PDB file of all heavy atoms in Angstrom:
ATOM      1  N   GLY A   1       0.505  18.975 -13.647  1.00  0.00           N
ATOM      2  CA  GLY A   1      -0.559  17.997 -13.824  1.00  0.00           C
ATOM      3  C   GLY A   1      -0.608  16.958 -12.733  1.00  0.00           C
ATOM      4  O   GLY A   1      -1.437  16.058 -12.776  1.00  0.00           O
ATOM      5  N   ILE A   2       0.268  17.064 -11.731  1.00  0.00           N
ATOM      6  CA  ILE A   2       0.242  16.144 -10.599  1.00  0.00           C
ATOM      7  C   ILE A   2       0.162  16.994  -9.340  1.00  0.00           C
ATOM      8  O   ILE A   2       0.980  17.883  -9.126  1.00  0.00           O
ATOM      9  CB  ILE A   2       1.490  15.252 -10.569  1.00  0.00           C
ATOM     10  CG1 ILE A   2       1.512  14.415 -11.820  1.00  0.00           C
ATOM     11  CG2 ILE A   2       1.519  14.409  -9.313  1.00  0.00           C
ATOM     12  CD1 ILE A   2       2.573  13.402 -11.887  1.00  0.00           C
ATOM     13  N   ALA A   3      -0.847  16.720  -8.514  1.00  0.00           N
ATOM     14  CA  ALA A   3      -1.056  17.535  -7.325  1.00  0.00           C
ATOM     15  C   ALA A   3      -1.568  16.677  -6.181  1.00  0.00           C
ATOM     16  O   ALA A   3      -2.288  15.698  -6.402  1.00  0.00           O
ATOM     17  CB  ALA A   3      -2.067  18.640  -7.622  1.00  0.00           C
ATOM     18  N   PRO A   4      -1.205  17.041  -4.946  1.00  0.00           N
ATOM     19  CA  PRO A   4      -1.748  16.321  -3.792  1.00  0.00           C
ATOM     20  C   PRO A   4      -3.235  16.595  -3.642  1.00  0.00           C
ATOM     21  O   PRO A   4      -3.731  17.643  -4.064  1.00  0.00           O
ATOM     22  CB  PRO A   4      -0.947  16.877  -2.612  1.00  0.00           C
ATOM     23  CG  PRO A   4      -0.391  18.168  -3.077  1.00  0.00           C
ATOM     24  CD  PRO A   4      -0.274  18.093  -4.567  1.00  0.00           C
ATOM     25  N   TYR A   5      -3.947  15.644  -3.039  1.00  0.00           N
ATOM     26  CA  TYR A   5      -5.394  15.765  -2.914  1.00  0.00           C
ATOM     27  C   TYR A   5      -5.856  15.173  -1.586  1.00  0.00           C
ATOM     28  O   TYR A   5      -5.380  14.125  -1.165  1.00  0.00           O
ATOM     29  CB  TYR A   5      -6.082  15.002  -4.061  1.00  0.00           C
ATOM     30  CG  TYR A   5      -7.572  14.896  -3.920  1.00  0.00           C
ATOM     31  CD1 TYR A   5      -8.387  15.940  -4.307  1.00  0.00           C
ATOM     32  CD2 TYR A   5      -8.156  13.763  -3.372  1.00  0.00           C
ATOM     33  CE1 TYR A   5      -9.764  15.850  -4.170  1.00  0.00           C
ATOM     34  CE2 TYR A   5      -9.523  13.663  -3.234  1.00  0.00           C
ATOM     35  CZ  TYR A   5     -10.327  14.711  -3.630  1.00  0.00           C
ATOM     36  OH  TYR A   5     -11.677  14.630  -3.484  1.00  0.00           O
ATOM     37  N   GLY A   6      -6.791  15.841  -0.937  1.00  0.00           N
ATOM     38  CA  GLY A   6      -7.527  15.270   0.165  1.00  0.00           C
ATOM     39  C   GLY A   6      -6.933  15.384   1.547  1.00  0.00           C
ATOM     40  O   GLY A   6      -7.584  15.019   2.506  1.00  0.00           O
ATOM     41  N   ALA A   7      -5.708  15.853   1.678  1.00  0.00           N
ATOM     42  CA  ALA A   7      -5.089  15.960   2.996  1.00  0.00           C
ATOM     43  C   ALA A   7      -3.899  16.908   2.880  1.00  0.00           C
ATOM     44  O   ALA A   7      -3.668  17.500   1.821  1.00  0.00           O
ATOM     45  CB  ALA A   7      -4.636  14.591   3.485  1.00  0.00           C
ATOM     46  N   GLU A   8      -3.170  17.024   3.960  1.00  0.00           N
ATOM     47  CA  GLU A   8      -1.913  17.771   3.901  1.00  0.00           C
ATOM     48  C   GLU A   8      -1.035  17.123   2.834  1.00  0.00           C
ATOM     49  O   GLU A   8      -1.077  15.899   2.660  1.00  0.00           O
ATOM     50  CB  GLU A   8      -1.200  17.718   5.255  1.00  0.00           C
ATOM     51  CG  GLU A   8      -1.910  18.443   6.358  1.00  0.00           C
ATOM     52  CD  GLU A   8      -1.908  19.944   6.156  1.00  0.00           C
ATOM     53  OE1 GLU A   8      -0.893  20.497   5.692  1.00  0.00           O
ATOM     54  OE2 GLU A   8      -2.929  20.572   6.458  1.00  0.00           O
ATOM     55  N   PRO A   9      -0.241  17.911   2.118  1.00  0.00           N
ATOM     56  CA  PRO A   9       0.566  17.328   1.040  1.00  0.00           C
ATOM     57  C   PRO A   9       1.448  16.153   1.476  1.00  0.00           C
ATOM     58  O   PRO A   9       1.522  15.151   0.770  1.00  0.00           O
ATOM     59  CB  PRO A   9       1.409  18.503   0.550  1.00  0.00           C
ATOM     60  CG  PRO A   9       0.575  19.699   0.843  1.00  0.00           C
ATOM     61  CD  PRO A   9      -0.139  19.374   2.131  1.00  0.00           C
ATOM     62  N   TRP A  10       2.078  16.241   2.634  1.00  0.00           N
ATOM     63  CA  TRP A  10       2.962  15.151   3.051  1.00  0.00           C
ATOM     64  C   TRP A  10       2.172  13.856   3.266  1.00  0.00           C
ATOM     65  O   TRP A  10       2.643  12.771   2.926  1.00  0.00           O
ATOM     66  CB  TRP A  10       3.752  15.524   4.307  1.00  0.00           C
ATOM     67  CG  TRP A  10       2.906  15.704   5.539  1.00  0.00           C
ATOM     68  CD1 TRP A  10       2.329  16.852   5.977  1.00  0.00           C
ATOM     69  CD2 TRP A  10       2.529  14.688   6.470  1.00  0.00           C
ATOM     70  NE1 TRP A  10       1.610  16.623   7.122  1.00  0.00           N
ATOM     71  CE2 TRP A  10       1.720  15.299   7.459  1.00  0.00           C
ATOM     72  CE3 TRP A  10       2.787  13.327   6.577  1.00  0.00           C
ATOM     73  CZ2 TRP A  10       1.172  14.601   8.523  1.00  0.00           C
ATOM     74  CZ3 TRP A  10       2.238  12.634   7.643  1.00  0.00           C
ATOM     75  CH2 TRP A  10       1.445  13.268   8.602  1.00  0.00           C
ATOM     76  N   LEU A  11       0.960  13.967   3.788  1.00  0.00           N
ATOM     77  CA  LEU A  11       0.118  12.790   3.990  1.00  0.00           C
ATOM     78  C   LEU A  11      -0.401  12.251   2.655  1.00  0.00           C
ATOM     79  O   LEU A  11      -0.470  11.034   2.455  1.00  0.00           O
ATOM     80  CB  LEU A  11      -1.047  13.124   4.927  1.00  0.00           C
ATOM     81  CG  LEU A  11      -1.943  11.967   5.332  1.00  0.00           C
ATOM     82  CD1 LEU A  11      -1.136  10.885   6.049  1.00  0.00           C
ATOM     83  CD2 LEU A  11      -3.065  12.459   6.221  1.00  0.00           C
ATOM     84  N   ALA A  12      -0.724  13.153   1.736  1.00  0.00           N
ATOM     85  CA  ALA A  12      -1.173  12.728   0.410  1.00  0.00           C
ATOM     86  C   ALA A  12      -0.065  11.968  -0.312  1.00  0.00           C
ATOM     87  O   ALA A  12      -0.321  10.927  -0.930  1.00  0.00           O
ATOM     88  CB  ALA A  12      -1.612  13.940  -0.404  1.00  0.00           C
ATOM     89  N   PHE A  13       1.163  12.458  -0.210  1.00  0.00           N
ATOM     90  CA  PHE A  13       2.285  11.764  -0.854  1.00  0.00           C
ATOM     91  C   PHE A  13       2.554  10.416  -0.192  1.00  0.00           C
ATOM     92  O   PHE A  13       2.869   9.434  -0.868  1.00  0.00           O
ATOM     93  CB  PHE A  13       3.547  12.632  -0.825  1.00  0.00           C
ATOM     94  CG  PHE A  13       3.413  13.916  -1.596  1.00  0.00           C
ATOM     95  CD1 PHE A  13       3.899  15.109  -1.077  1.00  0.00           C
ATOM     96  CD2 PHE A  13       2.808  13.951  -2.841  1.00  0.00           C
ATOM     97  CE1 PHE A  13       3.777  16.292  -1.779  1.00  0.00           C
ATOM     98  CE2 PHE A  13       2.677  15.130  -3.549  1.00  0.00           C
ATOM     99  CZ  PHE A  13       3.165  16.303  -3.017  1.00  0.00           C
ATOM    100  N   LEU A  14       2.393  10.349   1.112  1.00  0.00           N
ATOM    101  CA  LEU A  14       2.576   9.086   1.824  1.00  0.00           C
ATOM    102  C   LEU A  14       1.506   8.073   1.430  1.00  0.00           C
ATOM    103  O   LEU A  14       1.808   6.896   1.198  1.00  0.00           O
ATOM    104  CB  LEU A  14       2.560   9.323   3.333  1.00  0.00           C
ATOM    105  CG  LEU A  14       2.948   8.149   4.205  1.00  0.00           C
ATOM    106  CD1 LEU A  14       4.386   7.722   3.921  1.00  0.00           C
ATOM    107  CD2 LEU A  14       2.789   8.511   5.664  1.00  0.00           C
ATOM    108  N   MET A  15       0.252   8.513   1.308  1.00  0.00           N
ATOM    109  CA  MET A  15      -0.832   7.600   0.898  1.00  0.00           C
ATOM    110  C   MET A  15      -0.626   7.130  -0.547  1.00  0.00           C
ATOM    111  O   MET A  15      -0.874   5.965  -0.869  1.00  0.00           O
ATOM    112  CB  MET A  15      -2.192   8.277   1.040  1.00  0.00           C
ATOM    113  CG  MET A  15      -2.613   8.561   2.465  1.00  0.00           C
ATOM    114  SD  MET A  15      -2.734   7.082   3.473  1.00  0.00           S
ATOM    115  CE  MET A  15      -1.358   7.306   4.578  1.00  0.00           C
ATOM    116  N   ALA A  16      -0.167   8.032  -1.408  1.00  0.00           N
ATOM    117  CA  ALA A  16       0.122   7.638  -2.790  1.00  0.00           C
ATOM    118  C   ALA A  16       1.264   6.622  -2.821  1.00  0.00           C
ATOM    119  O   ALA A  16       1.229   5.660  -3.597  1.00  0.00           O
ATOM    120  CB  ALA A  16       0.477   8.864  -3.616  1.00  0.00           C
ATOM    121  N   SER A  17       2.257   6.814  -1.969  1.00  0.00           N
ATOM    122  CA  SER A  17       3.377   5.880  -1.893  1.00  0.00           C
ATOM    123  C   SER A  17       2.925   4.505  -1.406  1.00  0.00           C
ATOM    124  O   SER A  17       3.346   3.473  -1.943  1.00  0.00           O
ATOM    125  CB  SER A  17       4.449   6.451  -0.960  1.00  0.00           C
ATOM    126  OG  SER A  17       5.470   5.525  -0.753  1.00  0.00           O
ATOM    127  N   LEU A  18       2.060   4.478  -0.409  1.00  0.00           N
ATOM    128  CA  LEU A  18       1.535   3.197   0.080  1.00  0.00           C
ATOM    129  C   LEU A  18       0.723   2.475  -0.990  1.00  0.00           C
ATOM    130  O   LEU A  18       0.866   1.263  -1.181  1.00  0.00           O
ATOM    131  CB  LEU A  18       0.672   3.416   1.322  1.00  0.00           C
ATOM    132  CG  LEU A  18       1.416   3.689   2.622  1.00  0.00           C
ATOM    133  CD1 LEU A  18       0.445   4.108   3.714  1.00  0.00           C
ATOM    134  CD2 LEU A  18       2.196   2.465   3.049  1.00  0.00           C
ATOM    135  N   SER A  19      -0.120   3.217  -1.701  1.00  0.00           N
ATOM    136  CA  SER A  19      -0.916   2.574  -2.744  1.00  0.00           C
ATOM    137  C   SER A  19      -0.037   2.134  -3.914  1.00  0.00           C
ATOM    138  O   SER A  19      -0.294   1.103  -4.527  1.00  0.00           O
ATOM    139  CB  SER A  19      -2.053   3.481  -3.209  1.00  0.00           C
ATOM    140  OG  SER A  19      -1.555   4.658  -3.766  1.00  0.00           O
ATOM    141  N   LEU A  20       1.031   2.876  -4.196  1.00  0.00           N
ATOM    142  CA  LEU A  20       1.962   2.468  -5.254  1.00  0.00           C
ATOM    143  C   LEU A  20       2.686   1.183  -4.865  1.00  0.00           C
ATOM    144  O   LEU A  20       2.866   0.284  -5.699  1.00  0.00           O
ATOM    145  CB  LEU A  20       2.960   3.590  -5.545  1.00  0.00           C
ATOM    146  CG  LEU A  20       3.882   3.399  -6.741  1.00  0.00           C
ATOM    147  CD1 LEU A  20       3.075   3.256  -8.023  1.00  0.00           C
ATOM    148  CD2 LEU A  20       4.831   4.577  -6.844  1.00  0.00           C
ATOM    149  N   GLY A  21       3.066   1.069  -3.610  1.00  0.00           N
ATOM    150  CA  GLY A  21       3.678  -0.171  -3.136  1.00  0.00           C
ATOM    151  C   GLY A  21       2.730  -1.352  -3.239  1.00  0.00           C
ATOM    152  O   GLY A  21       3.114  -2.454  -3.648  1.00  0.00           O
ATOM    153  N   PHE A  22       1.465  -1.139  -2.888  1.00  0.00           N
ATOM    154  CA  PHE A  22       0.442  -2.175  -2.991  1.00  0.00           C
ATOM    155  C   PHE A  22       0.258  -2.622  -4.438  1.00  0.00           C
ATOM    156  O   PHE A  22       0.256  -3.816  -4.745  1.00  0.00           O
ATOM    157  CB  PHE A  22      -0.870  -1.645  -2.416  1.00  0.00           C
ATOM    158  CG  PHE A  22      -2.062  -2.501  -2.685  1.00  0.00           C
ATOM    159  CD1 PHE A  22      -2.283  -3.650  -1.957  1.00  0.00           C
ATOM    160  CD2 PHE A  22      -2.966  -2.165  -3.682  1.00  0.00           C
ATOM    161  CE1 PHE A  22      -3.383  -4.457  -2.205  1.00  0.00           C
ATOM    162  CE2 PHE A  22      -4.065  -2.957  -3.940  1.00  0.00           C
ATOM    163  CZ  PHE A  22      -4.273  -4.105  -3.198  1.00  0.00           C
ATOM    164  N   VAL A  23       0.127  -1.645  -5.337  1.00  0.00           N
ATOM    165  CA  VAL A  23      -0.081  -1.947  -6.758  1.00  0.00           C
ATOM    166  C   VAL A  23       1.129  -2.669  -7.340  1.00  0.00           C
ATOM    167  O   VAL A  23       0.988  -3.654  -8.066  1.00  0.00           O
ATOM    168  CB  VAL A  23      -0.397  -0.652  -7.541  1.00  0.00           C
ATOM    169  CG1 VAL A  23      -0.287  -0.859  -9.037  1.00  0.00           C
ATOM    170  CG2 VAL A  23      -1.778  -0.141  -7.181  1.00  0.00           C
ATOM    171  N   ASN A  24       2.331  -2.186  -7.013  1.00  0.00           N
ATOM    172  CA  ASN A  24       3.533  -2.819  -7.550  1.00  0.00           C
ATOM    173  C   ASN A  24       3.754  -4.222  -7.012  1.00  0.00           C
ATOM    174  O   ASN A  24       4.330  -5.063  -7.702  1.00  0.00           O
ATOM    175  CB  ASN A  24       4.761  -1.953  -7.258  1.00  0.00           C
ATOM    176  CG  ASN A  24       4.863  -0.774  -8.192  1.00  0.00           C
ATOM    177  OD1 ASN A  24       4.272  -0.754  -9.265  1.00  0.00           O
ATOM    178  ND2 ASN A  24       5.611   0.229  -7.780  1.00  0.00           N
ATOM    179  N   ALA A  25       3.287  -4.496  -5.812  1.00  0.00           N
ATOM    180  CA  ALA A  25       3.471  -5.822  -5.233  1.00  0.00           C
ATOM    181  C   ALA A  25       2.428  -6.831  -5.713  1.00  0.00           C
ATOM    182  O   ALA A  25       2.758  -8.001  -5.926  1.00  0.00           O
ATOM    183  CB  ALA A  25       3.432  -5.736  -3.708  1.00  0.00           C
ATOM    184  N   LEU A  26       1.177  -6.391  -5.895  1.00  0.00           N
ATOM    185  CA  LEU A  26       0.117  -7.342  -6.184  1.00  0.00           C
ATOM    186  C   LEU A  26      -0.379  -7.352  -7.626  1.00  0.00           C
ATOM    187  O   LEU A  26      -0.697  -8.411  -8.162  1.00  0.00           O
ATOM    188  CB  LEU A  26      -1.079  -7.078  -5.251  1.00  0.00           C
ATOM    189  CG  LEU A  26      -0.793  -7.252  -3.761  1.00  0.00           C
ATOM    190  CD1 LEU A  26      -2.022  -6.901  -2.952  1.00  0.00           C
ATOM    191  CD2 LEU A  26      -0.333  -8.658  -3.468  1.00  0.00           C
ATOM    192  N   ILE A  27      -0.461  -6.204  -8.246  1.00  0.00           N
ATOM    193  CA  ILE A  27      -1.089  -6.121  -9.567  1.00  0.00           C
ATOM    194  C   ILE A  27      -0.062  -6.086 -10.691  1.00  0.00           C
ATOM    195  O   ILE A  27      -0.246  -6.731 -11.728  1.00  0.00           O
ATOM    196  CB  ILE A  27      -2.027  -4.901  -9.627  1.00  0.00           C
ATOM    197  CG1 ILE A  27      -3.120  -5.062  -8.558  1.00  0.00           C
ATOM    198  CG2 ILE A  27      -2.626  -4.725 -11.013  1.00  0.00           C
ATOM    199  CD1 ILE A  27      -3.948  -3.849  -8.322  1.00  0.00           C
ATOM    200  N   LYS A  28       1.031  -5.377 -10.492  1.00  0.00           N
ATOM    201  CA  LYS A  28       2.017  -5.226 -11.555  1.00  0.00           C
ATOM    202  C   LYS A  28       2.603  -6.553 -12.050  1.00  0.00           C
ATOM    203  O   LYS A  28       2.775  -6.723 -13.261  1.00  0.00           O
ATOM    204  CB  LYS A  28       3.137  -4.283 -11.123  1.00  0.00           C
ATOM    205  CG  LYS A  28       4.104  -3.985 -12.240  1.00  0.00           C
ATOM    206  CD  LYS A  28       5.163  -3.003 -11.815  1.00  0.00           C
ATOM    207  CE  LYS A  28       6.131  -2.749 -12.957  1.00  0.00           C
ATOM    208  NZ  LYS A  28       7.221  -1.886 -12.531  1.00  0.00           N
ATOM    209  N   PRO A  29       2.910  -7.526 -11.172  1.00  0.00           N
ATOM    210  CA  PRO A  29       3.434  -8.798 -11.701  1.00  0.00           C
ATOM    211  C   PRO A  29       2.474  -9.487 -12.668  1.00  0.00           C
ATOM    212  O   PRO A  29       2.901 -10.053 -13.684  1.00  0.00           O
ATOM    213  CB  PRO A  29       3.657  -9.643 -10.442  1.00  0.00           C
ATOM    214  CG  PRO A  29       3.831  -8.662  -9.352  1.00  0.00           C
ATOM    215  CD  PRO A  29       2.957  -7.504  -9.712  1.00  0.00           C
ATOM    216  N   VAL A  30       1.184  -9.434 -12.388  1.00  0.00           N
ATOM    217  CA  VAL A  30       0.193 -10.061 -13.270  1.00  0.00           C
ATOM    218  C   VAL A  30       0.130  -9.324 -14.604  1.00  0.00           C
ATOM    219  O   VAL A  30       0.145  -9.949 -15.679  1.00  0.00           O
ATOM    220  CB  VAL A  30      -1.195 -10.095 -12.588  1.00  0.00           C
ATOM    221  CG1 VAL A  30      -2.251 -10.619 -13.533  1.00  0.00           C
ATOM    222  CG2 VAL A  30      -1.147 -10.902 -11.314  1.00  0.00           C
ATOM    223  N   VAL A  31       0.093  -8.001 -14.565  1.00  0.00           N
ATOM    224  CA  VAL A  31       0.031  -7.206 -15.791  1.00  0.00           C
ATOM    225  C   VAL A  31       1.317  -7.383 -16.604  1.00  0.00           C
ATOM    226  O   VAL A  31       1.279  -7.483 -17.831  1.00  0.00           O
ATOM    227  CB  VAL A  31      -0.230  -5.716 -15.459  1.00  0.00           C
ATOM    228  CG1 VAL A  31      -0.147  -4.853 -16.700  1.00  0.00           C
ATOM    229  CG2 VAL A  31      -1.580  -5.555 -14.791  1.00  0.00           C
ATOM    230  N   THR A  32       2.452  -7.451 -15.918  1.00  0.00           N
ATOM    231  CA  THR A  32       3.723  -7.660 -16.614  1.00  0.00           C
ATOM    232  C   THR A  32       3.742  -9.013 -17.310  1.00  0.00           C
ATOM    233  O   THR A  32       4.197  -9.125 -18.455  1.00  0.00           O
ATOM    234  CB  THR A  32       4.897  -7.544 -15.627  1.00  0.00           C
ATOM    235  OG1 THR A  32       4.890  -6.240 -15.045  1.00  0.00           O
ATOM    236  CG2 THR A  32       6.231  -7.774 -16.315  1.00  0.00           C
ATOM    237  N   LEU A  33       3.234 -10.028 -16.648  1.00  0.00           N
ATOM    238  CA  LEU A  33       3.179 -11.361 -17.248  1.00  0.00           C
ATOM    239  C   LEU A  33       2.280 -11.377 -18.480  1.00  0.00           C
ATOM    240  O   LEU A  33       2.633 -11.946 -19.523  1.00  0.00           O
ATOM    241  CB  LEU A  33       2.693 -12.375 -16.213  1.00  0.00           C
ATOM    242  CG  LEU A  33       2.706 -13.832 -16.629  1.00  0.00           C
ATOM    243  CD1 LEU A  33       4.127 -14.288 -16.886  1.00  0.00           C
ATOM    244  CD2 LEU A  33       2.058 -14.680 -15.555  1.00  0.00           C
ATOM    245  N   ILE A  34       1.132 -10.728 -18.380  1.00  0.00           N
ATOM    246  CA  ILE A  34       0.199 -10.684 -19.503  1.00  0.00           C
ATOM    247  C   ILE A  34       0.784  -9.888 -20.677  1.00  0.00           C
ATOM    248  O   ILE A  34       0.528 -10.210 -21.837  1.00  0.00           O
ATOM    249  CB  ILE A  34      -1.147 -10.074 -19.050  1.00  0.00           C
ATOM    250  CG1 ILE A  34      -1.839 -11.030 -18.082  1.00  0.00           C
ATOM    251  CG2 ILE A  34      -2.045  -9.761 -20.230  1.00  0.00           C
ATOM    252  CD1 ILE A  34      -3.036 -10.436 -17.380  1.00  0.00           C
ATOM    253  N   SER A  35       1.584  -8.872 -20.370  1.00  0.00           N
ATOM    254  CA  SER A  35       2.100  -7.996 -21.423  1.00  0.00           C
ATOM    255  C   SER A  35       3.447  -8.428 -21.979  1.00  0.00           C
ATOM    256  O   SER A  35       4.078  -7.662 -22.724  1.00  0.00           O
ATOM    257  CB  SER A  35       2.205  -6.566 -20.895  1.00  0.00           C
ATOM    258  OG  SER A  35       3.214  -6.477 -19.914  1.00  0.00           O
ATOM    259  N   ILE A  36       3.900  -9.641 -21.680  1.00  0.00           N
ATOM    260  CA  ILE A  36       5.190 -10.101 -22.190  1.00  0.00           C
ATOM    261  C   ILE A  36       5.277 -10.037 -23.720  1.00  0.00           C
ATOM    262  O   ILE A  36       6.281  -9.566 -24.253  1.00  0.00           O
ATOM    263  CB  ILE A  36       5.526 -11.515 -21.667  1.00  0.00           C
ATOM    264  CG1 ILE A  36       5.957 -11.412 -20.202  1.00  0.00           C
ATOM    265  CG2 ILE A  36       6.628 -12.173 -22.483  1.00  0.00           C
ATOM    266  CD1 ILE A  36       6.212 -12.748 -19.535  1.00  0.00           C
ATOM    267  N   PRO A  37       4.255 -10.467 -24.468  1.00  0.00           N
ATOM    268  CA  PRO A  37       4.377 -10.365 -25.930  1.00  0.00           C
ATOM    269  C   PRO A  37       4.594  -8.925 -26.419  1.00  0.00           C
ATOM    270  O   PRO A  37       5.450  -8.677 -27.268  1.00  0.00           O
ATOM    271  CB  PRO A  37       3.048 -10.922 -26.444  1.00  0.00           C
ATOM    272  CG  PRO A  37       2.575 -11.824 -25.361  1.00  0.00           C
ATOM    273  CD  PRO A  37       3.033 -11.191 -24.090  1.00  0.00           C
ATOM    274  N   ALA A  38       3.847  -7.982 -25.882  1.00  0.00           N
ATOM    275  CA  ALA A  38       4.011  -6.581 -26.291  1.00  0.00           C
ATOM    276  C   ALA A  38       5.374  -6.043 -25.860  1.00  0.00           C
ATOM    277  O   ALA A  38       6.000  -5.268 -26.578  1.00  0.00           O
ATOM    278  CB  ALA A  38       2.904  -5.725 -25.698  1.00  0.00           C
ATOM    279  N   THR A  39       5.846  -6.467 -24.703  1.00  0.00           N
ATOM    280  CA  THR A  39       7.156  -6.027 -24.228  1.00  0.00           C
ATOM    281  C   THR A  39       8.261  -6.570 -25.120  1.00  0.00           C
ATOM    282  O   THR A  39       9.218  -5.854 -25.433  1.00  0.00           O
ATOM    283  CB  THR A  39       7.369  -6.482 -22.770  1.00  0.00           C
ATOM    284  OG1 THR A  39       6.315  -5.958 -21.965  1.00  0.00           O
ATOM    285  CG2 THR A  39       8.693  -5.989 -22.238  1.00  0.00           C
ATOM    286  N   ILE A  40       8.131  -7.805 -25.565  1.00  0.00           N
ATOM    287  CA  ILE A  40       9.142  -8.394 -26.453  1.00  0.00           C
ATOM    288  C   ILE A  40       9.131  -7.692 -27.809  1.00  0.00           C
ATOM    289  O   ILE A  40      10.196  -7.339 -28.350  1.00  0.00           O
ATOM    290  CB  ILE A  40       8.910  -9.909 -26.607  1.00  0.00           C
ATOM    291  CG1 ILE A  40       9.240 -10.614 -25.286  1.00  0.00           C
ATOM    292  CG2 ILE A  40       9.745 -10.483 -27.752  1.00  0.00           C
ATOM    293  CD1 ILE A  40       8.854 -12.075 -25.248  1.00  0.00           C
ATOM    294  N   VAL A  41       7.955  -7.472 -28.361  1.00  0.00           N
ATOM    295  CA  VAL A  41       7.848  -6.829 -29.675  1.00  0.00           C
ATOM    296  C   VAL A  41       8.433  -5.416 -29.652  1.00  0.00           C
ATOM    297  O   VAL A  41       9.084  -4.984 -30.597  1.00  0.00           O
ATOM    298  CB  VAL A  41       6.380  -6.817 -30.158  1.00  0.00           C
ATOM    299  CG1 VAL A  41       6.182  -5.915 -31.359  1.00  0.00           C
ATOM    300  CG2 VAL A  41       5.921  -8.221 -30.468  1.00  0.00           C
TER     301      VAL A  41
END
């Protein structure tokens, strides 16, 4: 259910890695902060 898309597989994995780094650096802290009550429960 997980497959590379749009380029050579190594480039697709590299682009996914870059976007994952971006998401984890900028968006995940905000979502984690908002989800603290659910995480505690």
